[in-house]
Amino acid sequence: MKASLHLFRIILLAALLATTVLSIKPVTSAHAEDLVITVNTEFDSLEYTPDLCTLREAIINANDDAATYPDCAAGSGDDTILFGNNIYNAILLLKSDNRLQRS
């Protein structure tokens, strides 16, 4: 009797576990298209510099939701701008020089 009760409990537990596992749906983000843009240089330039993403370029790409500056990832939705390890403790200055303004 005890063995059959134990077996019944194991089968019931297995059935509940299987039902739970099969009913779980993957959680998808409401902002699945949001991206991370990583700034990897302390320089402030809008000139094309292969593989160097400036803070200014990252902000523009995030605001444009596009790859306006191909040095950085394209923006899309609510983007996150991160700073690479190579600019840890760096001071980033965005110049107000007219030469850096987009037309």
N, C-alpha and C. Protein backbone atom coordinates (compact mmCIF):
# COMPACT_ATOMS: atom_id res chain seq x y z
N MET A 1 0.82 -1.20 0.00
CA MET A 1 0.00 0.00 0.00
C MET A 1 0.86 1.26 0.00
N LYS A 2 1.92 1.26 0.86
CA LYS A 2 2.79 2.43 0.91
C LYS A 2 3.53 2.63 -0.40
N ALA A 3 3.92 1.55 -1.03
CA ALA A 3 4.64 1.66 -2.31
C ALA A 3 3.75 2.24 -3.39
N SER A 4 2.50 1.81 -3.43
CA SER A 4 1.60 2.34 -4.46
C SER A 4 1.27 3.81 -4.20
N LEU A 5 1.17 4.22 -2.93
CA LEU A 5 0.93 5.62 -2.60
C LEU A 5 2.14 6.46 -2.97
N HIS A 6 3.32 5.93 -2.70
CA HIS A 6 4.56 6.63 -3.06
C HIS A 6 4.67 6.79 -4.58
N LEU A 7 4.35 5.71 -5.31
CA LEU A 7 4.38 5.75 -6.77
C LEU A 7 3.36 6.74 -7.30
N PHE A 8 2.17 6.78 -6.72
CA PHE A 8 1.14 7.74 -7.12
C PHE A 8 1.62 9.17 -6.93
N ARG A 9 2.27 9.45 -5.80
CA ARG A 9 2.78 10.80 -5.54
C ARG A 9 3.87 11.19 -6.55
N ILE A 10 4.73 10.26 -6.88
CA ILE A 10 5.79 10.55 -7.86
C ILE A 10 5.19 10.84 -9.23
N ILE A 11 4.19 10.02 -9.63
CA ILE A 11 3.54 10.24 -10.92
C ILE A 11 2.80 11.57 -10.94
N LEU A 12 2.12 11.90 -9.85
CA LEU A 12 1.41 13.16 -9.76
C LEU A 12 2.37 14.34 -9.82
N LEU A 13 3.48 14.25 -9.09
CA LEU A 13 4.49 15.30 -9.10
C LEU A 13 5.09 15.47 -10.49
N ALA A 14 5.37 14.35 -11.16
CA ALA A 14 5.93 14.41 -12.52
C ALA A 14 4.94 15.04 -13.48
N ALA A 15 3.66 14.71 -13.34
CA ALA A 15 2.64 15.29 -14.21
C ALA A 15 2.51 16.79 -13.98
N LEU A 16 2.53 17.21 -12.72
CA LEU A 16 2.46 18.65 -12.42
C LEU A 16 3.68 19.38 -12.95
N LEU A 17 4.85 18.78 -12.78
CA LEU A 17 6.08 19.40 -13.28
C LEU A 17 6.05 19.51 -14.80
N ALA A 18 5.63 18.45 -15.48
CA ALA A 18 5.55 18.47 -16.94
C ALA A 18 4.56 19.52 -17.42
N THR A 19 3.43 19.62 -16.76
CA THR A 19 2.42 20.62 -17.13
C THR A 19 2.97 22.03 -16.95
N THR A 20 3.68 22.24 -15.86
CA THR A 20 4.26 23.56 -15.60
C THR A 20 5.31 23.91 -16.65
N VAL A 21 6.19 22.98 -16.93
CA VAL A 21 7.25 23.24 -17.90
C VAL A 21 6.67 23.50 -19.28
N LEU A 22 5.67 22.74 -19.68
CA LEU A 22 5.09 22.91 -21.01
C LEU A 22 4.25 24.17 -21.12
N SER A 23 3.80 24.72 -20.01
CA SER A 23 2.96 25.92 -20.08
C SER A 23 3.77 27.21 -19.99
N ILE A 24 5.05 27.10 -19.71
CA ILE A 24 5.88 28.30 -19.60
C ILE A 24 6.15 28.85 -20.99
N LYS A 25 5.89 30.12 -21.15
CA LYS A 25 6.18 30.80 -22.41
C LYS A 25 7.39 31.69 -22.21
N PRO A 26 8.22 31.81 -23.24
CA PRO A 26 9.37 32.68 -23.09
C PRO A 26 8.94 34.13 -22.87
N VAL A 27 9.64 34.80 -21.99
CA VAL A 27 9.34 36.20 -21.72
C VAL A 27 10.03 37.04 -22.77
N THR A 28 9.26 37.82 -23.48
CA THR A 28 9.83 38.71 -24.49
C THR A 28 9.73 40.13 -23.99
N SER A 29 10.76 40.86 -24.26
CA SER A 29 10.80 42.26 -23.84
C SER A 29 9.85 43.08 -24.70
N ALA A 30 9.21 44.05 -24.07
CA ALA A 30 8.35 44.96 -24.83
C ALA A 30 9.19 45.82 -25.76
N HIS A 31 10.47 45.94 -25.42
CA HIS A 31 11.39 46.75 -26.21
C HIS A 31 12.49 45.85 -26.77
N ALA A 32 12.10 44.81 -27.47
CA ALA A 32 13.06 43.84 -27.97
C ALA A 32 14.06 44.47 -28.94
N GLU A 33 13.69 45.59 -29.56
CA GLU A 33 14.56 46.22 -30.54
C GLU A 33 15.50 47.24 -29.91
N ASP A 34 15.37 47.51 -28.62
CA ASP A 34 16.25 48.47 -27.97
C ASP A 34 17.67 47.95 -28.00
N LEU A 35 18.62 48.83 -28.20
CA LEU A 35 20.00 48.42 -28.37
C LEU A 35 20.90 49.07 -27.34
N VAL A 36 22.08 48.50 -27.22
CA VAL A 36 23.14 49.10 -26.42
C VAL A 36 24.16 49.67 -27.39
N ILE A 37 24.51 50.92 -27.19
CA ILE A 37 25.54 51.58 -28.01
C ILE A 37 26.71 51.83 -27.08
N THR A 38 27.88 51.31 -27.44
CA THR A 38 29.05 51.43 -26.57
C THR A 38 30.01 52.48 -27.09
N VAL A 39 30.28 53.48 -26.25
CA VAL A 39 31.27 54.52 -26.56
C VAL A 39 32.63 53.93 -26.20
N ASN A 40 33.57 53.97 -27.16
CA ASN A 40 34.87 53.36 -26.90
C ASN A 40 36.05 54.30 -27.15
N THR A 41 35.78 55.60 -27.18
CA THR A 41 36.86 56.58 -27.30
C THR A 41 36.47 57.85 -26.56
N GLU A 42 37.45 58.54 -26.04
CA GLU A 42 37.17 59.80 -25.34
C GLU A 42 37.20 61.00 -26.28
N PHE A 43 37.56 60.78 -27.53
CA PHE A 43 37.63 61.88 -28.48
C PHE A 43 36.24 62.33 -28.90
N ASP A 44 36.12 63.59 -29.30
CA ASP A 44 34.85 64.17 -29.74
C ASP A 44 35.00 64.56 -31.20
N SER A 45 34.53 63.70 -32.06
CA SER A 45 34.66 63.95 -33.49
C SER A 45 33.48 63.34 -34.21
N LEU A 46 33.09 63.96 -35.30
CA LEU A 46 32.05 63.39 -36.15
C LEU A 46 32.66 62.84 -37.44
N GLU A 47 33.97 62.83 -37.51
CA GLU A 47 34.64 62.27 -38.67
C GLU A 47 34.62 60.75 -38.57
N TYR A 48 34.61 60.09 -39.72
CA TYR A 48 34.61 58.64 -39.72
C TYR A 48 35.95 58.12 -39.21
N THR A 49 35.90 57.42 -38.12
CA THR A 49 37.08 56.79 -37.54
C THR A 49 36.71 55.33 -37.28
N PRO A 50 37.15 54.44 -38.15
CA PRO A 50 36.72 53.04 -38.07
C PRO A 50 36.83 52.46 -36.66
N ASP A 51 35.74 51.87 -36.21
CA ASP A 51 35.67 51.16 -34.93
C ASP A 51 35.78 52.06 -33.70
N LEU A 52 35.72 53.38 -33.87
CA LEU A 52 35.75 54.29 -32.72
C LEU A 52 34.40 55.01 -32.64
N CYS A 53 33.68 54.75 -31.57
CA CYS A 53 32.35 55.35 -31.37
C CYS A 53 32.47 56.43 -30.31
N THR A 54 32.23 57.69 -30.71
CA THR A 54 32.31 58.80 -29.76
C THR A 54 30.98 58.97 -29.05
N LEU A 55 30.99 59.68 -27.94
CA LEU A 55 29.77 59.94 -27.19
C LEU A 55 28.78 60.72 -28.06
N ARG A 56 29.27 61.70 -28.78
CA ARG A 56 28.39 62.50 -29.64
C ARG A 56 27.72 61.62 -30.70
N GLU A 57 28.52 60.75 -31.36
CA GLU A 57 27.96 59.86 -32.38
C GLU A 57 26.93 58.90 -31.77
N ALA A 58 27.21 58.40 -30.58
CA ALA A 58 26.27 57.48 -29.91
C ALA A 58 24.95 58.19 -29.61
N ILE A 59 25.02 59.41 -29.13
CA ILE A 59 23.80 60.18 -28.82
C ILE A 59 23.00 60.44 -30.09
N ILE A 60 23.68 60.82 -31.16
CA ILE A 60 23.00 61.11 -32.42
C ILE A 60 22.34 59.85 -32.97
N ASN A 61 23.07 58.71 -32.96
CA ASN A 61 22.49 57.46 -33.45
C ASN A 61 21.28 57.05 -32.60
N ALA A 62 21.38 57.23 -31.29
CA ALA A 62 20.25 56.89 -30.41
C ALA A 62 19.05 57.78 -30.71
N ASN A 63 19.27 59.06 -30.88
CA ASN A 63 18.17 59.99 -31.16
C ASN A 63 17.57 59.78 -32.55
N ASP A 64 18.42 59.42 -33.52
CA ASP A 64 17.95 59.22 -34.89
C ASP A 64 17.33 57.83 -35.10
N ASP A 65 17.51 56.93 -34.16
CA ASP A 65 17.10 55.53 -34.34
C ASP A 65 17.63 54.98 -35.66
N ALA A 66 18.90 55.25 -35.90
CA ALA A 66 19.53 54.85 -37.16
C ALA A 66 21.04 54.78 -36.96
N ALA A 67 21.74 54.31 -37.98
CA ALA A 67 23.20 54.28 -37.97
C ALA A 67 23.70 55.50 -38.72
N THR A 68 23.33 56.68 -38.23
CA THR A 68 23.77 57.92 -38.86
C THR A 68 25.29 57.97 -38.93
N TYR A 69 25.93 57.50 -37.87
CA TYR A 69 27.38 57.38 -37.83
C TYR A 69 27.72 55.90 -37.70
N PRO A 70 28.29 55.30 -38.77
CA PRO A 70 28.52 53.85 -38.77
C PRO A 70 29.58 53.38 -37.78
N ASP A 71 30.28 54.32 -37.15
CA ASP A 71 31.27 53.94 -36.13
C ASP A 71 30.58 53.33 -34.91
N CYS A 72 29.30 53.67 -34.71
CA CYS A 72 28.53 53.20 -33.56
C CYS A 72 27.38 52.32 -34.04
N ALA A 73 26.84 51.55 -33.11
CA ALA A 73 25.65 50.75 -33.43
C ALA A 73 24.49 51.68 -33.74
N ALA A 74 23.58 51.19 -34.56
CA ALA A 74 22.39 51.98 -34.89
C ALA A 74 21.47 52.05 -33.68
N GLY A 75 20.83 53.19 -33.51
CA GLY A 75 19.84 53.32 -32.45
C GLY A 75 18.53 52.69 -32.88
N SER A 76 17.75 52.29 -31.87
CA SER A 76 16.44 51.70 -32.15
C SER A 76 15.64 51.67 -30.86
N GLY A 77 14.63 52.50 -30.76
CA GLY A 77 13.81 52.51 -29.55
C GLY A 77 14.52 53.21 -28.40
N ASP A 78 14.31 52.69 -27.19
CA ASP A 78 14.95 53.25 -26.00
C ASP A 78 16.33 52.62 -25.84
N ASP A 79 17.33 53.29 -26.35
CA ASP A 79 18.69 52.76 -26.36
C ASP A 79 19.40 53.04 -25.04
N THR A 80 20.44 52.25 -24.81
CA THR A 80 21.31 52.45 -23.66
C THR A 80 22.70 52.75 -24.19
N ILE A 81 23.31 53.81 -23.68
CA ILE A 81 24.67 54.15 -24.07
C ILE A 81 25.58 53.76 -22.91
N LEU A 82 26.54 52.89 -23.21
CA LEU A 82 27.50 52.45 -22.21
C LEU A 82 28.89 52.94 -22.60
N PHE A 83 29.78 52.95 -21.63
CA PHE A 83 31.16 53.37 -21.87
C PHE A 83 32.06 52.14 -21.75
N GLY A 84 32.92 51.96 -22.76
CA GLY A 84 33.82 50.82 -22.77
C GLY A 84 34.86 50.91 -21.66
N ASN A 85 35.46 49.78 -21.35
CA ASN A 85 36.46 49.72 -20.29
C ASN A 85 37.67 50.60 -20.57
N ASN A 86 37.95 50.84 -21.84
CA ASN A 86 39.14 51.63 -22.18
C ASN A 86 38.99 53.11 -21.85
N ILE A 87 37.81 53.58 -21.50
CA ILE A 87 37.67 54.99 -21.12
C ILE A 87 37.21 55.13 -19.67
N TYR A 88 37.57 54.15 -18.85
CA TYR A 88 37.28 54.18 -17.42
C TYR A 88 38.03 55.36 -16.81
N ASN A 89 37.33 56.17 -16.04
CA ASN A 89 37.87 57.36 -15.38
C ASN A 89 38.26 58.47 -16.35
N ALA A 90 37.85 58.38 -17.60
CA ALA A 90 38.15 59.45 -18.56
C ALA A 90 37.14 60.58 -18.38
N ILE A 91 37.54 61.77 -18.73
CA ILE A 91 36.64 62.92 -18.73
C ILE A 91 36.28 63.19 -20.18
N LEU A 92 35.00 63.10 -20.50
CA LEU A 92 34.56 63.33 -21.86
C LEU A 92 33.98 64.73 -21.98
N LEU A 93 34.53 65.50 -22.88
CA LEU A 93 34.06 66.86 -23.10
C LEU A 93 33.45 66.95 -24.49
N LEU A 94 32.21 67.39 -24.56
CA LEU A 94 31.57 67.62 -25.85
C LEU A 94 31.75 69.09 -26.19
N LYS A 95 32.50 69.33 -27.23
CA LYS A 95 32.80 70.70 -27.63
C LYS A 95 31.56 71.36 -28.23
N SER A 96 31.46 72.66 -28.06
CA SER A 96 30.37 73.40 -28.68
C SER A 96 30.85 74.09 -29.94
N ASP A 97 31.89 73.57 -30.52
CA ASP A 97 32.49 74.09 -31.74
C ASP A 97 31.52 73.89 -32.90
N ASN A 98 31.31 74.93 -33.72
CA ASN A 98 30.39 74.84 -34.85
C ASN A 98 30.80 73.78 -35.86
N ARG A 99 32.07 73.45 -35.90
CA ARG A 99 32.52 72.45 -36.86
C ARG A 99 31.93 71.06 -36.52
N LEU A 100 31.50 70.88 -35.30
CA LEU A 100 30.96 69.59 -34.90
C LEU A 100 29.44 69.52 -35.01
N GLN A 101 28.83 70.61 -35.40
CA GLN A 101 27.37 70.62 -35.51
C GLN A 101 26.96 69.98 -36.82
N ARG A 102 25.88 69.20 -36.75
CA ARG A 102 25.35 68.59 -37.98
C ARG A 102 24.54 69.64 -38.72
N SER A 103 24.52 69.50 -40.02
CA SER A 103 23.68 70.41 -40.81
C SER A 103 22.38 69.74 -41.15
